[in-house]
């Protein structure tokens, strides 16, 4: 049983060491602001990308009751996120045709931050809405089932009203 405290101590010291390394590195705020200032937000394709993401958010929120539209939006967003690596590589190869600088690094940080990350949030919203819709449909179906069972029991009780509740023994011949 001595192995567990030693393992716990090793994990705790590793977490402390990593935390100190993290604190010594640039802060998240500094990196975030560097990213914001490095991007030319006035480029038409970046504006179009942001409008696309904002439109997906609006469609996801305004079509809560339309599962067909939400299913289509879910499929489109998933396809874009799924093809993210290929789209990033394509952007890296042809960035001169539509951009002033190459935002498409091999790790896909820009693509993930500007397009894939927000689309994953849209997908999360859609998934939560699907769960809410499924749970409300489940409650509705259970209510209908209980109503049908109550009606069936009422019919059986009405049909059995004339019969005697006590069973009479069979007469032998």
N, C-alpha and C. Protein backbone atom coordinates (compact mmCIF):
# COMPACT_ATOMS: atom_id res chain seq x y z
N UNK A 1 0.81 -1.21 0.00
CA UNK A 1 0.00 0.00 0.00
C UNK A 1 0.85 1.26 0.00
N UNK A 2 2.17 1.13 0.19
CA UNK A 2 3.04 2.30 0.20
C UNK A 2 3.20 2.91 -1.18
N UNK A 3 2.82 2.19 -2.21
CA UNK A 3 3.00 2.68 -3.58
C UNK A 3 2.07 3.86 -3.89
N UNK A 4 0.88 3.88 -3.30
CA UNK A 4 -0.07 4.95 -3.60
C UNK A 4 0.39 6.32 -3.11
N UNK A 5 0.86 6.47 -1.87
CA UNK A 5 1.34 7.79 -1.44
C UNK A 5 2.53 8.27 -2.27
N UNK A 6 3.44 7.33 -2.62
CA UNK A 6 4.59 7.71 -3.44
C UNK A 6 4.15 8.17 -4.83
N UNK A 7 3.21 7.46 -5.42
CA UNK A 7 2.69 7.84 -6.73
C UNK A 7 2.00 9.19 -6.66
N UNK A 8 1.20 9.38 -5.64
CA UNK A 8 0.51 10.66 -5.48
C UNK A 8 1.51 11.79 -5.32
N UNK A 9 2.55 11.55 -4.53
CA UNK A 9 3.58 12.58 -4.31
C UNK A 9 4.30 12.90 -5.62
N UNK A 10 4.59 11.88 -6.43
CA UNK A 10 5.27 12.10 -7.71
C UNK A 10 4.40 12.91 -8.66
N UNK A 11 3.12 12.58 -8.70
CA UNK A 11 2.19 13.33 -9.56
C UNK A 11 2.06 14.77 -9.09
N UNK A 12 1.95 14.97 -7.78
CA UNK A 12 1.82 16.33 -7.24
C UNK A 12 3.06 17.16 -7.53
N UNK A 13 4.25 16.57 -7.39
CA UNK A 13 5.47 17.33 -7.67
C UNK A 13 5.60 17.65 -9.15
N UNK A 14 5.15 16.74 -10.02
CA UNK A 14 5.17 17.00 -11.47
C UNK A 14 4.22 18.13 -11.83
N UNK A 15 3.05 18.15 -11.22
CA UNK A 15 2.09 19.23 -11.46
C UNK A 15 2.67 20.56 -11.01
N UNK A 16 3.30 20.58 -9.85
CA UNK A 16 3.92 21.82 -9.35
C UNK A 16 5.02 22.30 -10.29
N UNK A 17 5.83 21.36 -10.80
CA UNK A 17 6.92 21.72 -11.71
C UNK A 17 6.36 22.31 -13.00
N UNK A 18 5.35 21.66 -13.57
CA UNK A 18 4.73 22.16 -14.81
C UNK A 18 4.08 23.52 -14.58
N UNK A 19 3.46 23.71 -13.43
CA UNK A 19 2.82 24.99 -13.13
C UNK A 19 3.85 26.12 -13.09
N UNK A 20 5.02 25.84 -12.48
CA UNK A 20 6.08 26.85 -12.43
C UNK A 20 6.58 27.18 -13.83
N UNK A 21 6.72 26.14 -14.69
CA UNK A 21 7.13 26.38 -16.08
C UNK A 21 6.10 27.25 -16.79
N UNK A 22 4.83 26.96 -16.56
CA UNK A 22 3.76 27.72 -17.19
C UNK A 22 3.79 29.17 -16.75
N UNK A 23 4.03 29.41 -15.46
CA UNK A 23 4.07 30.78 -14.96
C UNK A 23 5.26 31.55 -15.51
N UNK A 24 6.38 30.85 -15.77
CA UNK A 24 7.56 31.52 -16.31
C UNK A 24 7.39 31.88 -17.78
N UNK A 25 6.60 31.10 -18.51
CA UNK A 25 6.35 31.40 -19.93
C UNK A 25 5.51 32.66 -20.04
N UNK A 26 5.31 33.08 -21.31
CA UNK A 26 4.47 34.24 -21.54
C UNK A 26 3.07 33.97 -21.00
N UNK A 27 2.44 34.99 -20.51
CA UNK A 27 1.09 34.81 -20.00
C UNK A 27 0.12 34.62 -21.17
N UNK A 28 -1.00 34.02 -20.87
CA UNK A 28 -2.01 33.80 -21.90
C UNK A 28 -2.47 35.12 -22.49
N UNK A 29 -2.64 36.11 -21.65
CA UNK A 29 -3.08 37.42 -22.12
C UNK A 29 -2.09 38.01 -23.11
N UNK A 30 -0.81 37.90 -22.81
CA UNK A 30 0.22 38.43 -23.70
C UNK A 30 0.19 37.71 -25.05
N UNK A 31 0.06 36.38 -25.02
CA UNK A 31 -0.01 35.61 -26.27
C UNK A 31 -1.28 35.95 -27.04
N UNK A 32 -2.39 36.09 -26.34
CA UNK A 32 -3.66 36.42 -26.99
C UNK A 32 -3.59 37.78 -27.66
N UNK A 33 -3.06 38.75 -26.95
CA UNK A 33 -2.96 40.10 -27.53
C UNK A 33 -1.97 40.12 -28.70
N UNK A 34 -0.92 39.33 -28.63
CA UNK A 34 0.01 39.21 -29.76
C UNK A 34 -0.69 38.65 -30.98
N UNK A 35 -1.54 37.65 -30.76
CA UNK A 35 -2.31 37.07 -31.87
C UNK A 35 -3.26 38.10 -32.46
N UNK A 36 -3.96 38.83 -31.61
CA UNK A 36 -4.92 39.84 -32.07
C UNK A 36 -4.22 40.91 -32.91
N UNK A 37 -3.06 41.36 -32.46
CA UNK A 37 -2.36 42.43 -33.18
C UNK A 37 -1.64 41.92 -34.43
N UNK A 38 -1.33 40.64 -34.50
CA UNK A 38 -0.62 40.09 -35.66
C UNK A 38 -1.54 39.89 -36.86
N UNK A 39 -2.84 39.79 -36.62
CA UNK A 39 -3.80 39.52 -37.69
C UNK A 39 -4.33 40.83 -38.24
N UNK A 40 -4.39 40.92 -39.57
CA UNK A 40 -5.01 42.07 -40.23
C UNK A 40 -6.50 41.76 -40.37
N UNK A 41 -7.29 42.26 -39.45
CA UNK A 41 -8.71 41.93 -39.39
C UNK A 41 -9.52 42.61 -40.48
N UNK A 42 -8.90 43.43 -41.32
CA UNK A 42 -9.62 44.12 -42.39
C UNK A 42 -9.55 43.37 -43.72
N UNK A 43 -8.85 42.25 -43.74
CA UNK A 43 -8.78 41.48 -44.98
C UNK A 43 -10.16 40.89 -45.27
N UNK A 44 -10.61 40.98 -46.53
CA UNK A 44 -11.97 40.53 -46.87
C UNK A 44 -12.24 39.07 -46.53
N UNK A 45 -11.29 38.19 -46.73
CA UNK A 45 -11.55 36.78 -46.46
C UNK A 45 -11.66 36.50 -44.97
N UNK A 46 -10.95 37.27 -44.15
CA UNK A 46 -11.08 37.11 -42.69
C UNK A 46 -12.44 37.63 -42.24
N UNK A 47 -12.86 38.76 -42.79
CA UNK A 47 -14.20 39.29 -42.47
C UNK A 47 -15.26 38.29 -42.88
N UNK A 48 -15.12 37.72 -44.08
CA UNK A 48 -16.08 36.72 -44.56
C UNK A 48 -16.11 35.49 -43.63
N UNK A 49 -14.94 35.07 -43.17
CA UNK A 49 -14.87 33.93 -42.25
C UNK A 49 -15.59 34.24 -40.94
N UNK A 50 -15.36 35.43 -40.40
CA UNK A 50 -16.02 35.82 -39.15
C UNK A 50 -17.53 35.95 -39.34
N UNK A 51 -17.96 36.46 -40.50
CA UNK A 51 -19.40 36.56 -40.79
C UNK A 51 -20.00 35.15 -40.90
N UNK A 52 -19.26 34.23 -41.51
CA UNK A 52 -19.73 32.85 -41.61
C UNK A 52 -19.93 32.23 -40.23
N UNK A 53 -18.96 32.43 -39.35
CA UNK A 53 -19.06 31.87 -38.00
C UNK A 53 -20.21 32.52 -37.23
N UNK A 54 -20.34 33.85 -37.34
CA UNK A 54 -21.44 34.55 -36.66
C UNK A 54 -22.79 34.09 -37.20
N UNK A 55 -22.86 33.86 -38.52
CA UNK A 55 -24.11 33.37 -39.11
C UNK A 55 -24.46 31.98 -38.59
N UNK A 56 -23.45 31.14 -38.45
CA UNK A 56 -23.70 29.79 -37.91
C UNK A 56 -24.23 29.87 -36.48
N UNK A 57 -23.66 30.78 -35.67
CA UNK A 57 -24.17 30.98 -34.30
C UNK A 57 -25.63 31.43 -34.33
N UNK A 58 -25.93 32.40 -35.18
CA UNK A 58 -27.29 32.93 -35.25
C UNK A 58 -28.28 31.86 -35.73
N UNK A 59 -27.89 31.10 -36.75
CA UNK A 59 -28.76 30.04 -37.25
C UNK A 59 -28.98 28.98 -36.17
N UNK A 60 -27.93 28.64 -35.45
CA UNK A 60 -28.06 27.63 -34.40
C UNK A 60 -29.02 28.08 -33.30
N UNK A 61 -28.99 29.36 -32.98
CA UNK A 61 -29.84 29.87 -31.91
C UNK A 61 -31.27 30.10 -32.39
N UNK A 62 -31.43 30.66 -33.59
CA UNK A 62 -32.78 31.01 -34.05
C UNK A 62 -33.58 29.82 -34.56
N UNK A 63 -32.93 28.72 -34.89
CA UNK A 63 -33.66 27.55 -35.41
C UNK A 63 -33.71 26.42 -34.39
N UNK A 64 -33.87 26.78 -33.13
CA UNK A 64 -33.88 25.76 -32.08
C UNK A 64 -34.96 24.70 -32.29
N UNK A 65 -36.09 25.09 -32.82
CA UNK A 65 -37.22 24.15 -32.96
C UNK A 65 -37.22 23.43 -34.31
N UNK A 66 -36.30 23.78 -35.20
CA UNK A 66 -36.25 23.18 -36.55
C UNK A 66 -35.09 22.20 -36.63
N UNK A 67 -35.35 20.95 -36.30
CA UNK A 67 -34.27 19.97 -36.26
C UNK A 67 -33.72 19.67 -37.65
N UNK A 68 -34.52 19.86 -38.69
CA UNK A 68 -34.01 19.60 -40.04
C UNK A 68 -32.93 20.61 -40.41
N UNK A 69 -33.17 21.89 -40.12
CA UNK A 69 -32.17 22.92 -40.41
C UNK A 69 -30.95 22.72 -39.51
N UNK A 70 -31.19 22.39 -38.26
CA UNK A 70 -30.06 22.19 -37.35
C UNK A 70 -29.24 20.97 -37.75
N UNK A 71 -29.88 19.95 -38.27
CA UNK A 71 -29.14 18.78 -38.75
C UNK A 71 -28.25 19.13 -39.92
N UNK A 72 -28.76 19.94 -40.84
CA UNK A 72 -27.96 20.40 -41.97
C UNK A 72 -26.79 21.26 -41.50
N UNK A 73 -27.06 22.18 -40.59
CA UNK A 73 -26.00 23.03 -40.04
C UNK A 73 -24.95 22.19 -39.32
N UNK A 74 -25.39 21.20 -38.56
CA UNK A 74 -24.46 20.31 -37.86
C UNK A 74 -23.55 19.59 -38.86
N UNK A 75 -24.13 19.09 -39.94
CA UNK A 75 -23.35 18.38 -40.96
C UNK A 75 -22.33 19.30 -41.62
N UNK A 76 -22.74 20.51 -41.97
CA UNK A 76 -21.83 21.46 -42.62
C UNK A 76 -20.69 21.84 -41.69
N UNK A 77 -21.02 22.17 -40.45
CA UNK A 77 -19.97 22.56 -39.49
C UNK A 77 -19.01 21.40 -39.22
N UNK A 78 -19.55 20.20 -39.09
CA UNK A 78 -18.69 19.03 -38.86
C UNK A 78 -17.77 18.80 -40.05
N UNK A 79 -18.29 18.97 -41.27
CA UNK A 79 -17.46 18.78 -42.46
C UNK A 79 -16.31 19.78 -42.49
N UNK A 80 -16.59 21.03 -42.15
CA UNK A 80 -15.54 22.06 -42.15
C UNK A 80 -14.49 21.74 -41.10
N UNK A 81 -14.92 21.37 -39.90
CA UNK A 81 -13.96 21.04 -38.84
C UNK A 81 -13.18 19.78 -39.20
N UNK A 82 -13.87 18.79 -39.74
CA UNK A 82 -13.22 17.53 -40.12
C UNK A 82 -12.16 17.75 -41.20
N UNK A 83 -12.44 18.63 -42.15
CA UNK A 83 -11.50 18.91 -43.23
C UNK A 83 -10.53 20.04 -42.87
N UNK A 84 -10.46 20.41 -41.62
CA UNK A 84 -9.64 21.53 -41.18
C UNK A 84 -8.18 21.42 -41.56
N UNK A 85 -7.60 20.25 -41.39
CA UNK A 85 -6.18 20.08 -41.72
C UNK A 85 -5.95 20.28 -43.22
N UNK A 86 -6.84 19.72 -44.03
CA UNK A 86 -6.72 19.89 -45.48
C UNK A 86 -6.94 21.33 -45.90
N UNK A 87 -7.95 21.97 -45.30
CA UNK A 87 -8.21 23.38 -45.63
C UNK A 87 -7.05 24.27 -45.21
N UNK A 88 -6.44 23.97 -44.07
CA UNK A 88 -5.28 24.73 -43.61
C UNK A 88 -4.11 24.55 -44.58
N UNK A 89 -3.86 23.33 -45.03
CA UNK A 89 -2.78 23.07 -45.99
C UNK A 89 -3.05 23.76 -47.32
N UNK A 90 -4.30 23.75 -47.75
CA UNK A 90 -4.69 24.43 -48.99
C UNK A 90 -4.48 25.93 -48.86
N UNK A 91 -4.86 26.50 -47.73
CA UNK A 91 -4.63 27.92 -47.48
C UNK A 91 -3.15 28.26 -47.45
N UNK A 92 -2.33 27.35 -46.89
CA UNK A 92 -0.88 27.57 -46.84
C UNK A 92 -0.28 27.58 -48.24
N UNK A 93 -0.78 26.71 -49.13
CA UNK A 93 -0.24 26.64 -50.49
C UNK A 93 -0.63 27.85 -51.34
N UNK A 94 -1.83 28.39 -51.12
CA UNK A 94 -2.36 29.43 -52.01
C UNK A 94 -2.61 30.76 -51.31
N UNK A 95 -1.96 31.06 -50.22
CA UNK A 95 -2.26 32.26 -49.44
C UNK A 95 -1.99 33.54 -50.22
N UNK A 96 -1.04 33.51 -51.18
CA UNK A 96 -0.71 34.73 -51.93
C UNK A 96 -1.89 35.22 -52.76
N UNK A 97 -2.79 34.34 -53.13
CA UNK A 97 -3.91 34.69 -54.00
C UNK A 97 -5.01 35.46 -53.28
N UNK A 98 -5.09 35.34 -51.96
CA UNK A 98 -6.21 35.96 -51.25
C UNK A 98 -5.82 36.69 -49.97
N UNK A 99 -4.54 36.68 -49.60
CA UNK A 99 -4.15 37.26 -48.32
C UNK A 99 -2.85 38.06 -48.45
N UNK A 100 -2.61 38.93 -47.50
CA UNK A 100 -1.37 39.71 -47.50
C UNK A 100 -0.25 39.00 -46.76
N UNK A 101 -0.58 38.02 -45.92
CA UNK A 101 0.44 37.24 -45.23
C UNK A 101 -0.07 35.82 -45.01
N UNK A 102 0.88 34.91 -44.74
CA UNK A 102 0.54 33.50 -44.56
C UNK A 102 0.14 33.25 -43.10
N UNK A 103 -1.16 33.08 -42.89
CA UNK A 103 -1.67 32.79 -41.55
C UNK A 103 -1.69 31.29 -41.27
N UNK A 104 -1.46 30.49 -42.27
CA UNK A 104 -1.69 29.05 -42.18
C UNK A 104 -0.41 28.30 -41.84
N UNK A 105 -0.09 28.24 -40.57
CA UNK A 105 1.10 27.53 -40.11
C UNK A 105 0.83 26.02 -40.12
N UNK A 106 1.88 25.20 -40.10
CA UNK A 106 1.69 23.74 -40.15
C UNK A 106 0.87 23.19 -38.99
N UNK A 107 0.88 23.83 -37.84
CA UNK A 107 0.12 23.34 -36.69
C UNK A 107 -1.34 23.76 -36.75
N UNK A 108 -1.69 24.70 -37.60
CA UNK A 108 -3.08 25.11 -37.77
C UNK A 108 -3.63 25.97 -36.66
N UNK A 109 -2.78 26.75 -36.01
CA UNK A 109 -3.23 27.57 -34.88
C UNK A 109 -4.25 28.61 -35.34
N UNK A 110 -3.96 29.32 -36.41
CA UNK A 110 -4.87 30.36 -36.88
C UNK A 110 -6.21 29.76 -37.30
N UNK A 111 -6.15 28.69 -38.08
CA UNK A 111 -7.38 28.04 -38.53
C UNK A 111 -8.22 27.57 -37.34
N UNK A 112 -7.54 27.00 -36.36
CA UNK A 112 -8.26 26.51 -35.17
C UNK A 112 -8.87 27.65 -34.38
N UNK A 113 -8.12 28.74 -34.23
CA UNK A 113 -8.61 29.86 -33.41
C UNK A 113 -9.72 30.63 -34.09
N UNK A 114 -9.64 30.80 -35.40
CA UNK A 114 -10.59 31.66 -36.09
C UNK A 114 -11.79 30.89 -36.63
N UNK A 115 -11.60 29.65 -37.06
CA UNK A 115 -12.71 28.93 -37.69
C UNK A 115 -13.11 27.67 -36.93
N UNK A 116 -12.19 26.75 -36.71
CA UNK A 116 -12.55 25.46 -36.13
C UNK A 116 -13.03 25.58 -34.69
N UNK A 117 -12.37 26.40 -33.89
CA UNK A 117 -12.79 26.57 -32.49
C UNK A 117 -14.20 27.12 -32.35
N UNK A 118 -14.50 28.24 -33.01
CA UNK A 118 -15.88 28.75 -32.94
C UNK A 118 -16.91 27.78 -33.51
N UNK A 119 -16.55 27.06 -34.59
CA UNK A 119 -17.50 26.09 -35.13
C UNK A 119 -17.73 24.93 -34.17
N UNK A 120 -16.71 24.57 -33.41
CA UNK A 120 -16.91 23.54 -32.38
C UNK A 120 -17.87 24.03 -31.30
N UNK A 121 -17.83 25.32 -30.99
CA UNK A 121 -18.80 25.88 -30.04
C UNK A 121 -20.21 25.83 -30.62
N UNK A 122 -20.35 26.11 -31.91
CA UNK A 122 -21.66 25.99 -32.57
C UNK A 122 -22.13 24.55 -32.49
N UNK A 123 -21.23 23.61 -32.75
CA UNK A 123 -21.59 22.19 -32.67
C UNK A 123 -22.01 21.80 -31.26
N UNK A 124 -21.36 22.37 -30.26
CA UNK A 124 -21.75 22.11 -28.87
C UNK A 124 -23.15 22.64 -28.60
N UNK A 125 -23.45 23.84 -29.09
CA UNK A 125 -24.80 24.41 -28.94
C UNK A 125 -25.82 23.49 -29.60
N UNK A 126 -25.52 23.03 -30.81
CA UNK A 126 -26.45 22.14 -31.52
C UNK A 126 -26.63 20.83 -30.77
N UNK A 127 -25.56 20.29 -30.24
CA UNK A 127 -25.65 19.04 -29.50
C UNK A 127 -26.48 19.19 -28.24
N UNK A 128 -26.29 20.27 -27.52
CA UNK A 128 -27.10 20.53 -26.32
C UNK A 128 -28.56 20.67 -26.70
N UNK A 129 -28.83 21.35 -27.81
CA UNK A 129 -30.22 21.49 -28.26
C UNK A 129 -30.81 20.13 -28.64
N UNK A 130 -30.02 19.27 -29.29
CA UNK A 130 -30.50 17.92 -29.60
C UNK A 130 -30.85 17.16 -28.33
N UNK A 131 -30.02 17.26 -27.31
CA UNK A 131 -30.30 16.57 -26.05
C UNK A 131 -31.56 17.09 -25.40
N UNK A 132 -31.76 18.41 -25.42
CA UNK A 132 -32.97 19.00 -24.85
C UNK A 132 -34.19 18.52 -25.63
N UNK A 133 -34.09 18.53 -26.96
CA UNK A 133 -35.21 18.08 -27.80
C UNK A 133 -35.52 16.61 -27.54
N UNK A 134 -34.49 15.78 -27.47
CA UNK A 134 -34.71 14.35 -27.22
C UNK A 134 -35.35 14.11 -25.86
N UNK A 135 -34.90 14.83 -24.85
CA UNK A 135 -35.48 14.63 -23.51
C UNK A 135 -36.93 15.08 -23.47
N UNK A 136 -37.27 16.18 -24.14
CA UNK A 136 -38.67 16.62 -24.14
C UNK A 136 -39.54 15.66 -24.94
N UNK A 137 -39.01 15.10 -26.04
CA UNK A 137 -39.77 14.10 -26.79
C UNK A 137 -39.97 12.83 -25.97
N UNK A 138 -38.97 12.46 -25.21
CA UNK A 138 -39.09 11.28 -24.36
C UNK A 138 -40.17 11.48 -23.30
N UNK A 139 -40.21 12.66 -22.69
CA UNK A 139 -41.23 12.96 -21.69
C UNK A 139 -42.62 12.95 -22.35
N UNK A 140 -42.72 13.55 -23.53
CA UNK A 140 -44.01 13.60 -24.23
C UNK A 140 -44.50 12.19 -24.58
N UNK A 141 -43.61 11.34 -25.07
CA UNK A 141 -44.00 9.98 -25.43
C UNK A 141 -44.40 9.17 -24.19
N UNK A 142 -43.71 9.37 -23.09
CA UNK A 142 -44.05 8.65 -21.86
C UNK A 142 -45.43 9.08 -21.36
N UNK A 143 -45.73 10.37 -21.45
CA UNK A 143 -47.06 10.85 -21.06
C UNK A 143 -48.14 10.19 -21.90
N UNK A 144 -47.92 10.15 -23.23
CA UNK A 144 -48.91 9.52 -24.12
C UNK A 144 -49.07 8.05 -23.80
N UNK A 145 -47.96 7.38 -23.49
CA UNK A 145 -48.03 5.97 -23.13
C UNK A 145 -48.85 5.77 -21.86
N UNK A 146 -48.64 6.61 -20.86
CA UNK A 146 -49.39 6.49 -19.61
C UNK A 146 -50.88 6.77 -19.83
N UNK A 147 -51.20 7.75 -20.68
CA UNK A 147 -52.61 8.05 -20.99
C UNK A 147 -53.25 6.86 -21.68
N UNK A 148 -52.57 6.25 -22.65
CA UNK A 148 -53.12 5.08 -23.35
C UNK A 148 -53.32 3.90 -22.39
N UNK A 149 -52.37 3.68 -21.50
CA UNK A 149 -52.51 2.60 -20.53
C UNK A 149 -53.68 2.86 -19.59
N UNK A 150 -53.89 4.10 -19.18
CA UNK A 150 -55.01 4.44 -18.30
C UNK A 150 -56.33 4.21 -19.02
N UNK A 151 -56.41 4.59 -20.29
CA UNK A 151 -57.64 4.36 -21.07
C UNK A 151 -57.91 2.86 -21.22
N UNK A 152 -56.87 2.09 -21.51
CA UNK A 152 -57.03 0.65 -21.67
C UNK A 152 -57.51 0.01 -20.37
N UNK A 153 -56.93 0.42 -19.24
CA UNK A 153 -57.36 -0.10 -17.95
C UNK A 153 -58.81 0.28 -17.66
N UNK A 154 -59.18 1.51 -18.01
CA UNK A 154 -60.56 1.95 -17.79
C UNK A 154 -61.53 1.11 -18.61
N UNK A 155 -61.16 0.80 -19.86
CA UNK A 155 -62.01 -0.05 -20.70
C UNK A 155 -62.14 -1.44 -20.11
N UNK A 156 -61.02 -2.00 -19.65
CA UNK A 156 -61.05 -3.33 -19.05
C UNK A 156 -61.90 -3.34 -17.79
N UNK A 157 -61.78 -2.31 -16.97
CA UNK A 157 -62.57 -2.22 -15.74
C UNK A 157 -64.05 -2.12 -16.07
N UNK A 158 -64.38 -1.34 -17.10
CA UNK A 158 -65.78 -1.19 -17.49
C UNK A 158 -66.33 -2.51 -18.03
N UNK A 159 -65.52 -3.25 -18.78
CA UNK A 159 -65.95 -4.53 -19.33
C UNK A 159 -66.09 -5.58 -18.22
N UNK A 160 -65.29 -5.48 -17.21
CA UNK A 160 -65.32 -6.45 -16.11
C UNK A 160 -66.30 -6.07 -15.01
N UNK A 161 -67.01 -4.97 -15.15
CA UNK A 161 -67.94 -4.49 -14.12
C UNK A 161 -69.05 -5.50 -13.83
N UNK A 162 -69.57 -6.14 -14.84
CA UNK A 162 -70.68 -7.06 -14.67
C UNK A 162 -70.25 -8.39 -14.08
N UNK A 163 -69.02 -8.75 -14.17
CA UNK A 163 -68.54 -10.03 -13.67
C UNK A 163 -68.31 -9.97 -12.17
N UNK A 164 -68.44 -11.12 -11.54
CA UNK A 164 -68.22 -11.22 -10.11
C UNK A 164 -66.72 -11.27 -9.84
N UNK A 165 -66.28 -10.52 -8.86
CA UNK A 165 -64.85 -10.53 -8.58
C UNK A 165 -64.39 -11.83 -7.92
N UNK A 166 -65.34 -12.60 -7.30
CA UNK A 166 -64.98 -13.85 -6.63
C UNK A 166 -65.10 -14.97 -7.64
N UNK A 167 -64.10 -15.80 -7.69
CA UNK A 167 -64.13 -16.92 -8.62
C UNK A 167 -64.96 -18.05 -8.00
N UNK A 168 -65.86 -18.59 -8.78
CA UNK A 168 -66.67 -19.70 -8.31
C UNK A 168 -66.02 -21.00 -8.75
N UNK A 169 -66.07 -22.00 -7.87
CA UNK A 169 -65.46 -23.29 -8.26
C UNK A 169 -66.26 -23.94 -9.37
N UNK A 170 -65.57 -24.71 -10.19
CA UNK A 170 -66.23 -25.41 -11.29
C UNK A 170 -67.05 -26.57 -10.73
N UNK A 171 -68.19 -26.78 -11.34
CA UNK A 171 -69.03 -27.90 -10.93
C UNK A 171 -68.62 -29.13 -11.70
N UNK A 172 -68.51 -30.24 -10.98
CA UNK A 172 -68.14 -31.49 -11.64
C UNK A 172 -69.39 -32.21 -12.08
N UNK A 173 -69.31 -32.94 -13.18
CA UNK A 173 -70.45 -33.67 -13.71
C UNK A 173 -70.55 -35.03 -13.16
